[in-house]
Amino acid sequence: MNLQKHVSLNINVRGLGESPTLAINERVKLLQGQGKKIYNFGLGQSPFPVPTPVVEALRLHAHEKDYLPVKGLSALKEAVAGFHRQKDLVEANSDCVLVGPGSKELMFLLQLVFYGEIIVPTPCWVSYVPQAQILGKKISLLHTSFEDKWHISADRLRQHLEGEQDLYRPRILVLNYPGNPDGLTYTADELKEIARVAREYEIILLSDEIYGQLHHKGGHVSVARYYPEGTIISSGLSKWCGAGGWRLGTFTFPQSLDWLMDAMAAVASETYTSVSAPIQYAGVQA
């Protein structure tokens, strides 16, 4: 039975395949199962175990079964805010933390509720653009080069913005650093200049810092230091804690963007409801 399988699909997902990173991961597992030695450069997953105290916390709270608040467990939100205050030197408030089933899902919700354009520097992580396409969002690619170390500069950003008709329409710029797939990061001076342009043009920054704590010299700097009122920090347990399969991500907002957080929480309440309770309790320990 055909059931009009093509025309019955949402036009935005026609031809959409599995995420390349997930497809690569499955292929790697298949080849490893055949006894072949494979170096996996697909999924960004730590080869190291989740820290023992965090595993013990998950075991201790395995009995927790109640639905938790849609924005997240209060103790976890406070722990996340404290983490960013200590590590990133930003004035994070627990009331402005949103917990989700992975930062990937939170990015999708952000694009869903935000009325405006998404600007993504390329090369980039493989899911930013497909998420926008699924939602039918306008996405603008800001191309970088090997000569520029795959970085955008403040001047390049300004040039990109001034090439558009409406200079002050709603826009989100995605910054991912240390970057996936290039692994490179920005200096404090570069971030200061990017922040200055973002403030001038009233652009919201989604700072995807999921790899921030894996900076090899411990020198990660959050752009939220220089543009606190307009930056959302994206983080989670996937990389530094090696717990990608636990699916726990966080967005930390400034007070000035609480309206955006509230809209995302409203959609979350109608979709995934809340993140797994035992994992949130373990997240406090993490």
C-alpha atoms as a PDB file:
ATOM      1  CA  MET A   1       0.000   0.000   0.000  1.00  0.00           C
ATOM      2  CA  ASN A   2       1.524   3.315  -1.086  1.00  0.00           C
ATOM      3  CA  LEU A   3      -0.658   5.732   0.938  1.00  0.00           C
ATOM      4  CA  GLN A   4       0.812   8.651  -1.011  1.00  0.00           C
ATOM      5  CA  LYS A   5       4.013   8.373   0.970  1.00  0.00           C
ATOM      6  CA  HIS A   6       5.690  11.294  -0.800  1.00  0.00           C
ATOM      7  CA  VAL A   7       2.978  13.934  -0.977  1.00  0.00           C
ATOM      8  CA  SER A   8       1.829  13.169   2.575  1.00  0.00           C
ATOM      9  CA  LEU A   9       5.169  14.235   4.034  1.00  0.00           C
ATOM     10  CA  ASN A  10       5.761  17.749   5.298  1.00  0.00           C
ATOM     11  CA  ILE A  11       7.608  19.486   2.475  1.00  0.00           C
ATOM     12  CA  ASN A  12      10.336  20.598   4.889  1.00  0.00           C
ATOM     13  CA  VAL A  13      11.368  17.014   5.683  1.00  0.00           C
ATOM     14  CA  ARG A  14      11.131  15.486   2.232  1.00  0.00           C
ATOM     15  CA  GLY A  15      14.523  14.063   1.358  1.00  0.00           C
ATOM     16  CA  LEU A  16      15.811  14.551   4.905  1.00  0.00           C
ATOM     17  CA  GLY A  17      18.098  11.712   5.922  1.00  0.00           C
ATOM     18  CA  GLU A  18      19.636  10.604   9.178  1.00  0.00           C
ATOM     19  CA  SER A  19      22.115  13.009  10.758  1.00  0.00           C
ATOM     20  CA  PRO A  20      25.560  12.239   9.264  1.00  0.00           C
ATOM     21  CA  THR A  21      27.179  11.982  12.698  1.00  0.00           C
ATOM     22  CA  LEU A  22      24.670   9.346  13.805  1.00  0.00           C
ATOM     23  CA  ALA A  23      24.973   7.480  10.516  1.00  0.00           C
ATOM     24  CA  ILE A  24      28.765   7.448  10.849  1.00  0.00           C
ATOM     25  CA  ASN A  25      28.493   6.229  14.430  1.00  0.00           C
ATOM     26  CA  GLU A  26      26.296   3.286  13.448  1.00  0.00           C
ATOM     27  CA  ARG A  27      28.645   2.426  10.600  1.00  0.00           C
ATOM     28  CA  VAL A  28      31.624   2.503  12.966  1.00  0.00           C
ATOM     29  CA  LYS A  29      29.877   0.167  15.406  1.00  0.00           C
ATOM     30  CA  LEU A  30      29.104  -2.226  12.568  1.00  0.00           C
ATOM     31  CA  LEU A  31      32.728  -2.323  11.386  1.00  0.00           C
ATOM     32  CA  GLN A  32      34.064  -2.629  14.923  1.00  0.00           C
ATOM     33  CA  GLY A  33      31.680  -5.539  15.450  1.00  0.00           C
ATOM     34  CA  GLN A  34      33.361  -7.185  12.479  1.00  0.00           C
ATOM     35  CA  GLY A  35      36.692  -6.936  14.274  1.00  0.00           C
ATOM     36  CA  LYS A  36      38.069  -4.011  12.277  1.00  0.00           C
ATOM     37  CA  LYS A  37      40.152  -1.272  13.891  1.00  0.00           C
ATOM     38  CA  ILE A  38      38.307   1.987  13.346  1.00  0.00           C
ATOM     39  CA  TYR A  39      39.180   5.542  14.351  1.00  0.00           C
ATOM     40  CA  ASN A  40      35.850   7.267  14.917  1.00  0.00           C
ATOM     41  CA  PHE A  41      35.819  10.921  13.891  1.00  0.00           C
ATOM     42  CA  GLY A  42      32.040  11.034  13.644  1.00  0.00           C
ATOM     43  CA  LEU A  43      30.082  11.592  16.820  1.00  0.00           C
ATOM     44  CA  GLY A  44      31.607  13.981  19.372  1.00  0.00           C
ATOM     45  CA  GLN A  45      31.743  11.476  22.215  1.00  0.00           C
ATOM     46  CA  SER A  46      34.329  11.141  24.953  1.00  0.00           C
ATOM     47  CA  PRO A  47      36.066   7.747  25.188  1.00  0.00           C
ATOM     48  CA  PHE A  48      36.411   8.217  28.949  1.00  0.00           C
ATOM     49  CA  PRO A  49      33.859   6.962  31.491  1.00  0.00           C
ATOM     50  CA  VAL A  50      31.405   9.213  33.288  1.00  0.00           C
ATOM     51  CA  PRO A  51      33.054  10.216  36.622  1.00  0.00           C
ATOM     52  CA  THR A  52      32.304   7.658  39.327  1.00  0.00           C
ATOM     53  CA  PRO A  53      30.616  10.087  41.765  1.00  0.00           C
ATOM     54  CA  VAL A  54      28.191  11.093  39.007  1.00  0.00           C
ATOM     55  CA  VAL A  55      27.384   7.464  38.190  1.00  0.00           C
ATOM     56  CA  GLU A  56      26.808   6.833  41.901  1.00  0.00           C
ATOM     57  CA  ALA A  57      24.444   9.806  42.052  1.00  0.00           C
ATOM     58  CA  LEU A  58      22.447   8.354  39.168  1.00  0.00           C
ATOM     59  CA  ARG A  59      22.267   4.996  40.926  1.00  0.00           C
ATOM     60  CA  LEU A  60      21.211   6.658  44.187  1.00  0.00           C
ATOM     61  CA  HIS A  61      18.372   8.516  42.485  1.00  0.00           C
ATOM     62  CA  ALA A  62      17.194   5.733  40.175  1.00  0.00           C
ATOM     63  CA  HIS A  63      13.938   5.554  42.172  1.00  0.00           C
ATOM     64  CA  GLU A  64      13.013   9.167  41.358  1.00  0.00           C
ATOM     65  CA  LYS A  65      10.002   8.883  39.091  1.00  0.00           C
ATOM     66  CA  ASP A  66       7.994  12.089  39.373  1.00  0.00           C
ATOM     67  CA  TYR A  67       7.641  14.616  36.577  1.00  0.00           C
ATOM     68  CA  LEU A  68       9.953  17.511  37.346  1.00  0.00           C
ATOM     69  CA  PRO A  69       9.332  21.187  36.472  1.00  0.00           C
ATOM     70  CA  VAL A  70       9.546  21.805  32.749  1.00  0.00           C
ATOM     71  CA  LYS A  71      12.425  24.269  33.178  1.00  0.00           C
ATOM     72  CA  GLY A  72      14.366  21.791  35.290  1.00  0.00           C
ATOM     73  CA  LEU A  73      15.090  20.691  38.833  1.00  0.00           C
ATOM     74  CA  SER A  74      15.737  23.739  41.046  1.00  0.00           C
ATOM     75  CA  ALA A  75      18.911  22.277  42.534  1.00  0.00           C
ATOM     76  CA  LEU A  76      20.250  21.509  39.065  1.00  0.00           C
ATOM     77  CA  LYS A  77      19.486  24.991  37.753  1.00  0.00           C
ATOM     78  CA  GLU A  78      21.330  26.482  40.706  1.00  0.00           C
ATOM     79  CA  ALA A  79      24.268  24.132  40.102  1.00  0.00           C
ATOM     80  CA  VAL A  80      24.386  25.126  36.426  1.00  0.00           C
ATOM     81  CA  ALA A  81      24.258  28.832  37.255  1.00  0.00           C
ATOM     82  CA  GLY A  82      27.009  28.348  39.849  1.00  0.00           C
ATOM     83  CA  PHE A  83      29.097  26.450  37.310  1.00  0.00           C
ATOM     84  CA  HIS A  84      28.924  29.341  34.839  1.00  0.00           C
ATOM     85  CA  ARG A  85      29.610  31.912  37.551  1.00  0.00           C
ATOM     86  CA  GLN A  86      32.719  30.013  38.638  1.00  0.00           C
ATOM     87  CA  LYS A  87      34.029  28.791  35.269  1.00  0.00           C
ATOM     88  CA  ASP A  88      32.913  31.553  32.917  1.00  0.00           C
ATOM     89  CA  LEU A  89      32.863  34.538  35.305  1.00  0.00           C
ATOM     90  CA  VAL A  90      29.363  35.587  34.244  1.00  0.00           C
ATOM     91  CA  GLU A  91      26.448  36.681  36.424  1.00  0.00           C
ATOM     92  CA  ALA A  92      24.284  33.621  35.796  1.00  0.00           C
ATOM     93  CA  ASN A  93      20.979  33.326  37.659  1.00  0.00           C
ATOM     94  CA  SER A  94      19.295  29.975  38.329  1.00  0.00           C
ATOM     95  CA  ASP A  95      15.921  31.458  37.372  1.00  0.00           C
ATOM     96  CA  CYS A  96      17.308  31.936  33.874  1.00  0.00           C
ATOM     97  CA  VAL A  97      18.469  28.341  33.293  1.00  0.00           C
ATOM     98  CA  LEU A  98      16.503  25.968  31.078  1.00  0.00           C
ATOM     99  CA  VAL A  99      17.247  22.227  31.236  1.00  0.00           C
ATOM    100  CA  GLY A 100      16.492  20.069  28.210  1.00  0.00           C
ATOM    101  CA  PRO A 101      17.035  16.548  26.805  1.00  0.00           C
ATOM    102  CA  GLY A 102      20.331  17.558  25.213  1.00  0.00           C
ATOM    103  CA  SER A 103      21.409  20.957  23.940  1.00  0.00           C
ATOM    104  CA  LYS A 104      20.476  19.754  20.452  1.00  0.00           C
ATOM    105  CA  GLU A 105      16.790  19.728  21.380  1.00  0.00           C
ATOM    106  CA  LEU A 106      17.081  23.120  23.055  1.00  0.00           C
ATOM    107  CA  MET A 107      18.587  24.567  19.870  1.00  0.00           C
ATOM    108  CA  PHE A 108      15.650  23.197  17.924  1.00  0.00           C
ATOM    109  CA  LEU A 109      13.167  24.783  20.344  1.00  0.00           C
ATOM    110  CA  LEU A 110      15.001  28.096  20.157  1.00  0.00           C
ATOM    111  CA  GLN A 111      14.721  28.156  16.390  1.00  0.00           C
ATOM    112  CA  LEU A 112      11.073  27.142  16.651  1.00  0.00           C
ATOM    113  CA  VAL A 113      10.000  29.972  18.962  1.00  0.00           C
ATOM    114  CA  PHE A 114      12.262  32.707  17.587  1.00  0.00           C
ATOM    115  CA  TYR A 115      10.790  34.875  14.858  1.00  0.00           C
ATOM    116  CA  GLY A 116      13.788  35.849  12.827  1.00  0.00           C
ATOM    117  CA  GLU A 117      16.843  34.829  10.875  1.00  0.00           C
ATOM    118  CA  ILE A 118      19.532  32.396  12.026  1.00  0.00           C
ATOM    119  CA  ILE A 119      23.130  33.232  11.061  1.00  0.00           C
ATOM    120  CA  VAL A 120      25.550  30.300  11.081  1.00  0.00           C
ATOM    121  CA  PRO A 121      29.288  30.498  10.347  1.00  0.00           C
ATOM    122  CA  THR A 122      30.508  27.620   8.182  1.00  0.00           C
ATOM    123  CA  PRO A 123      31.956  25.018   8.283  1.00  0.00           C
ATOM    124  CA  CYS A 124      29.650  24.051  11.116  1.00  0.00           C
ATOM    125  CA  TRP A 125      28.175  21.221  13.121  1.00  0.00           C
ATOM    126  CA  VAL A 126      25.886  19.171  10.901  1.00  0.00           C
ATOM    127  CA  SER A 127      22.532  19.832  12.617  1.00  0.00           C
ATOM    128  CA  TYR A 128      22.252  23.633  12.722  1.00  0.00           C
ATOM    129  CA  VAL A 129      21.134  23.976   9.113  1.00  0.00           C
ATOM    130  CA  PRO A 130      18.849  20.888   8.906  1.00  0.00           C
ATOM    131  CA  GLN A 131      17.025  22.045  12.039  1.00  0.00           C
ATOM    132  CA  ALA A 132      16.312  25.379  10.396  1.00  0.00           C
ATOM    133  CA  GLN A 133      15.178  23.637   7.221  1.00  0.00           C
ATOM    134  CA  ILE A 134      12.806  21.372   9.173  1.00  0.00           C
ATOM    135  CA  LEU A 135      11.197  24.466  10.650  1.00  0.00           C
ATOM    136  CA  GLY A 136      11.157  26.385   7.394  1.00  0.00           C
ATOM    137  CA  LYS A 137      13.348  29.103   8.923  1.00  0.00           C
ATOM    138  CA  LYS A 138      15.478  31.506   6.963  1.00  0.00           C
ATOM    139  CA  ILE A 139      19.127  30.727   7.543  1.00  0.00           C
ATOM    140  CA  SER A 140      22.080  32.815   6.472  1.00  0.00           C
ATOM    141  CA  LEU A 141      25.507  31.206   6.066  1.00  0.00           C
ATOM    142  CA  LEU A 142      28.562  33.228   6.980  1.00  0.00           C
ATOM    143  CA  HIS A 143      31.417  31.504   5.204  1.00  0.00           C
ATOM    144  CA  THR A 144      34.879  31.300   6.743  1.00  0.00           C
ATOM    145  CA  SER A 145      38.185  30.153   5.288  1.00  0.00           C
ATOM    146  CA  PHE A 146      41.321  28.226   6.133  1.00  0.00           C
ATOM    147  CA  GLU A 147      43.299  31.473   5.950  1.00  0.00           C
ATOM    148  CA  ASP A 148      41.063  32.938   8.681  1.00  0.00           C
ATOM    149  CA  LYS A 149      41.413  29.756  10.777  1.00  0.00           C
ATOM    150  CA  TRP A 150      37.695  29.145  10.171  1.00  0.00           C
ATOM    151  CA  HIS A 151      36.892  32.201  12.307  1.00  0.00           C
ATOM    152  CA  ILE A 152      34.508  35.030  11.691  1.00  0.00           C
ATOM    153  CA  SER A 153      35.882  38.444  12.543  1.00  0.00           C
ATOM    154  CA  ALA A 154      33.995  41.475  13.757  1.00  0.00           C
ATOM    155  CA  ASP A 155      34.674  43.194  10.427  1.00  0.00           C
ATOM    156  CA  ARG A 156      33.443  40.165   8.481  1.00  0.00           C
ATOM    157  CA  LEU A 157      30.305  40.042  10.603  1.00  0.00           C
ATOM    158  CA  ARG A 158      29.648  43.743  10.107  1.00  0.00           C
ATOM    159  CA  GLN A 159      30.138  43.377   6.353  1.00  0.00           C
ATOM    160  CA  HIS A 160      27.664  40.501   6.297  1.00  0.00           C
ATOM    161  CA  LEU A 161      25.054  42.461   8.263  1.00  0.00           C
ATOM    162  CA  GLU A 162      25.387  45.641   6.248  1.00  0.00           C
ATOM    163  CA  GLY A 163      24.824  43.704   3.053  1.00  0.00           C
ATOM    164  CA  GLU A 164      21.216  43.119   4.126  1.00  0.00           C
ATOM    165  CA  GLN A 165      18.321  45.518   3.713  1.00  0.00           C
ATOM    166  CA  ASP A 166      16.944  45.660   7.250  1.00  0.00           C
ATOM    167  CA  LEU A 167      19.929  46.102   9.543  1.00  0.00           C
ATOM    168  CA  TYR A 168      17.988  45.664  12.783  1.00  0.00           C
ATOM    169  CA  ARG A 169      15.560  42.826  12.111  1.00  0.00           C
ATOM    170  CA  PRO A 170      15.488  39.917  14.599  1.00  0.00           C
ATOM    171  CA  ARG A 171      18.546  37.677  14.209  1.00  0.00           C
ATOM    172  CA  ILE A 172      20.445  35.028  16.121  1.00  0.00           C
ATOM    173  CA  LEU A 173      24.130  34.385  15.457  1.00  0.00           C
ATOM    174  CA  VAL A 174      25.343  30.913  16.393  1.00  0.00           C
ATOM    175  CA  LEU A 175      28.884  30.829  17.769  1.00  0.00           C
ATOM    176  CA  ASN A 176      30.305  27.357  18.369  1.00  0.00           C
ATOM    177  CA  TYR A 177      33.722  27.286  20.006  1.00  0.00           C
ATOM    178  CA  PRO A 178      35.865  25.324  20.468  1.00  0.00           C
ATOM    179  CA  GLY A 179      34.407  24.536  17.083  1.00  0.00           C
ATOM    180  CA  ASN A 180      32.902  21.373  15.672  1.00  0.00           C
ATOM    181  CA  PRO A 181      34.393  20.208  13.291  1.00  0.00           C
ATOM    182  CA  ASP A 182      37.468  22.467  13.259  1.00  0.00           C
ATOM    183  CA  GLY A 183      38.356  22.297  16.973  1.00  0.00           C
ATOM    184  CA  LEU A 184      39.552  25.903  17.014  1.00  0.00           C
ATOM    185  CA  THR A 185      38.511  28.639  19.409  1.00  0.00           C
ATOM    186  CA  TYR A 186      38.388  32.427  19.748  1.00  0.00           C
ATOM    187  CA  THR A 187      40.636  34.699  21.768  1.00  0.00           C
ATOM    188  CA  ALA A 188      39.204  37.107  24.316  1.00  0.00           C
ATOM    189  CA  ASP A 189      40.043  40.051  22.049  1.00  0.00           C
ATOM    190  CA  GLU A 190      38.197  38.468  19.106  1.00  0.00           C
ATOM    191  CA  LEU A 191      35.155  37.830  21.269  1.00  0.00           C
ATOM    192  CA  LYS A 192      35.157  41.408  22.568  1.00  0.00           C
ATOM    193  CA  GLU A 193      35.009  42.739  19.011  1.00  0.00           C
ATOM    194  CA  ILE A 194      32.286  40.293  17.936  1.00  0.00           C
ATOM    195  CA  ALA A 195      30.294  41.247  21.041  1.00  0.00           C
ATOM    196  CA  ARG A 196      30.634  44.922  20.185  1.00  0.00           C
ATOM    197  CA  VAL A 197      29.154  44.388  16.703  1.00  0.00           C
ATOM    198  CA  ALA A 198      26.391  42.134  18.050  1.00  0.00           C
ATOM    199  CA  ARG A 199      25.381  44.790  20.564  1.00  0.00           C
ATOM    200  CA  GLU A 200      25.437  47.502  17.926  1.00  0.00           C
ATOM    201  CA  TYR A 201      23.091  45.559  15.639  1.00  0.00           C
ATOM    202  CA  GLU A 202      21.000  44.086  18.485  1.00  0.00           C
ATOM    203  CA  ILE A 203      21.801  40.487  17.537  1.00  0.00           C
ATOM    204  CA  ILE A 204      21.219  37.642  19.974  1.00  0.00           C
ATOM    205  CA  LEU A 205      24.206  35.314  20.350  1.00  0.00           C
ATOM    206  CA  LEU A 206      23.676  31.600  20.858  1.00  0.00           C
ATOM    207  CA  SER A 207      27.073  30.649  22.229  1.00  0.00           C
ATOM    208  CA  ASP A 208      27.393  26.896  21.820  1.00  0.00           C
ATOM    209  CA  GLU A 209      30.123  26.171  24.379  1.00  0.00           C
ATOM    210  CA  ILE A 210      29.482  22.445  24.739  1.00  0.00           C
ATOM    211  CA  TYR A 211      33.229  21.810  24.210  1.00  0.00           C
ATOM    212  CA  GLY A 212      34.320  24.744  26.379  1.00  0.00           C
ATOM    213  CA  GLN A 213      35.651  22.671  29.261  1.00  0.00           C
ATOM    214  CA  LEU A 214      37.712  20.565  26.839  1.00  0.00           C
ATOM    215  CA  HIS A 215      39.946  23.487  25.853  1.00  0.00           C
ATOM    216  CA  HIS A 216      43.361  21.808  25.987  1.00  0.00           C
ATOM    217  CA  LYS A 217      44.968  24.693  27.894  1.00  0.00           C
ATOM    218  CA  GLY A 218      41.980  25.454  30.086  1.00  0.00           C
ATOM    219  CA  GLY A 219      41.697  28.841  28.436  1.00  0.00           C
ATOM    220  CA  HIS A 220      38.060  28.888  27.309  1.00  0.00           C
ATOM    221  CA  VAL A 221      36.420  32.322  27.522  1.00  0.00           C
ATOM    222  CA  SER A 222      32.674  32.837  27.193  1.00  0.00           C
ATOM    223  CA  VAL A 223      31.524  35.696  24.992  1.00  0.00           C
ATOM    224  CA  ALA A 224      28.832  36.278  27.633  1.00  0.00           C
ATOM    225  CA  ARG A 225      31.490  38.138  29.635  1.00  0.00           C
ATOM    226  CA  TYR A 226      31.445  40.889  27.028  1.00  0.00           C
ATOM    227  CA  TYR A 227      27.802  40.792  25.900  1.00  0.00           C
ATOM    228  CA  PRO A 228      25.903  39.479  28.925  1.00  0.00           C
ATOM    229  CA  GLU A 229      22.563  41.037  28.035  1.00  0.00           C
ATOM    230  CA  GLY A 230      22.379  39.368  24.615  1.00  0.00           C
ATOM    231  CA  THR A 231      24.088  35.972  24.990  1.00  0.00           C
ATOM    232  CA  ILE A 232      22.592  32.530  25.600  1.00  0.00           C
ATOM    233  CA  ILE A 233      25.178  29.992  26.809  1.00  0.00           C
ATOM    234  CA  SER A 234      24.584  26.440  25.591  1.00  0.00           C
ATOM    235  CA  SER A 235      26.220  23.646  27.562  1.00  0.00           C
ATOM    236  CA  GLY A 236      25.550  20.197  28.982  1.00  0.00           C
ATOM    237  CA  LEU A 237      27.000  16.871  30.113  1.00  0.00           C
ATOM    238  CA  SER A 238      27.725  15.389  26.693  1.00  0.00           C
ATOM    239  CA  LYS A 239      31.359  16.331  26.231  1.00  0.00           C
ATOM    240  CA  TRP A 240      33.320  17.198  29.388  1.00  0.00           C
ATOM    241  CA  CYS A 241      31.363  14.665  31.455  1.00  0.00           C
ATOM    242  CA  GLY A 242      31.339  12.035  28.697  1.00  0.00           C
ATOM    243  CA  ALA A 243      27.592  11.492  29.170  1.00  0.00           C
ATOM    244  CA  GLY A 244      26.192  12.131  25.700  1.00  0.00           C
ATOM    245  CA  GLY A 245      23.708   9.294  25.915  1.00  0.00           C
ATOM    246  CA  TRP A 246      22.229  10.685  29.114  1.00  0.00           C
ATOM    247  CA  ARG A 247      20.804  13.566  27.075  1.00  0.00           C
ATOM    248  CA  LEU A 248      21.066  16.522  29.415  1.00  0.00           C
ATOM    249  CA  GLY A 249      21.681  19.975  28.007  1.00  0.00           C
ATOM    250  CA  THR A 250      21.296  23.465  29.418  1.00  0.00           C
ATOM    251  CA  PHE A 251      20.661  26.970  28.134  1.00  0.00           C
ATOM    252  CA  THR A 252      21.576  29.860  30.427  1.00  0.00           C
ATOM    253  CA  PHE A 253      19.855  33.133  29.516  1.00  0.00           C
ATOM    254  CA  PRO A 254      20.340  36.728  30.615  1.00  0.00           C
ATOM    255  CA  GLN A 255      17.362  38.257  32.435  1.00  0.00           C
ATOM    256  CA  SER A 256      16.686  40.425  29.379  1.00  0.00           C
ATOM    257  CA  LEU A 257      15.900  37.295  27.313  1.00  0.00           C
ATOM    258  CA  ASP A 258      13.609  35.582  29.825  1.00  0.00           C
ATOM    259  CA  TRP A 259      10.727  36.002  27.367  1.00  0.00           C
ATOM    260  CA  LEU A 260      12.569  33.719  24.952  1.00  0.00           C
ATOM    261  CA  MET A 261      13.221  31.148  27.670  1.00  0.00           C
ATOM    262  CA  ASP A 262       9.559  31.219  28.729  1.00  0.00           C
ATOM    263  CA  ALA A 263       8.419  30.612  25.154  1.00  0.00           C
ATOM    264  CA  MET A 264      10.763  27.639  24.833  1.00  0.00           C
ATOM    265  CA  ALA A 265       9.517  26.236  28.155  1.00  0.00           C
ATOM    266  CA  ALA A 266       5.917  26.552  26.968  1.00  0.00           C
ATOM    267  CA  VAL A 267       6.677  24.484  23.870  1.00  0.00           C
ATOM    268  CA  ALA A 268       8.684  22.012  25.959  1.00  0.00           C
ATOM    269  CA  SER A 269       5.668  21.537  28.227  1.00  0.00           C
ATOM    270  CA  GLU A 270       3.636  20.458  25.209  1.00  0.00           C
ATOM    271  CA  THR A 271       6.305  18.147  23.794  1.00  0.00           C
ATOM    272  CA  TYR A 272       8.825  16.357  26.041  1.00  0.00           C
ATOM    273  CA  THR A 273       7.316  17.630  29.367  1.00  0.00           C
ATOM    274  CA  SER A 274      10.534  17.363  31.387  1.00  0.00           C
ATOM    275  CA  VAL A 275      13.958  15.735  31.398  1.00  0.00           C
ATOM    276  CA  SER A 276      14.411  12.333  33.057  1.00  0.00           C
ATOM    277  CA  ALA A 277      14.341  12.815  36.841  1.00  0.00           C
ATOM    278  CA  PRO A 278      17.235  10.502  37.839  1.00  0.00           C
ATOM    279  CA  ILE A 279      19.524  12.128  35.259  1.00  0.00           C
ATOM    280  CA  GLN A 280      18.709  15.615  36.536  1.00  0.00           C
ATOM    281  CA  TYR A 281      19.565  14.582  40.094  1.00  0.00           C
ATOM    282  CA  ALA A 282      22.834  13.089  38.870  1.00  0.00           C
ATOM    283  CA  GLY A 283      23.432  16.315  36.969  1.00  0.00           C
ATOM    284  CA  VAL A 284      23.566  18.210  40.259  1.00  0.00           C
ATOM    285  CA  GLN A 285      26.518  16.042  41.324  1.00  0.00           C
ATOM    286  CA  ALA A 286      28.173  16.518  37.920  1.00  0.00           C
END
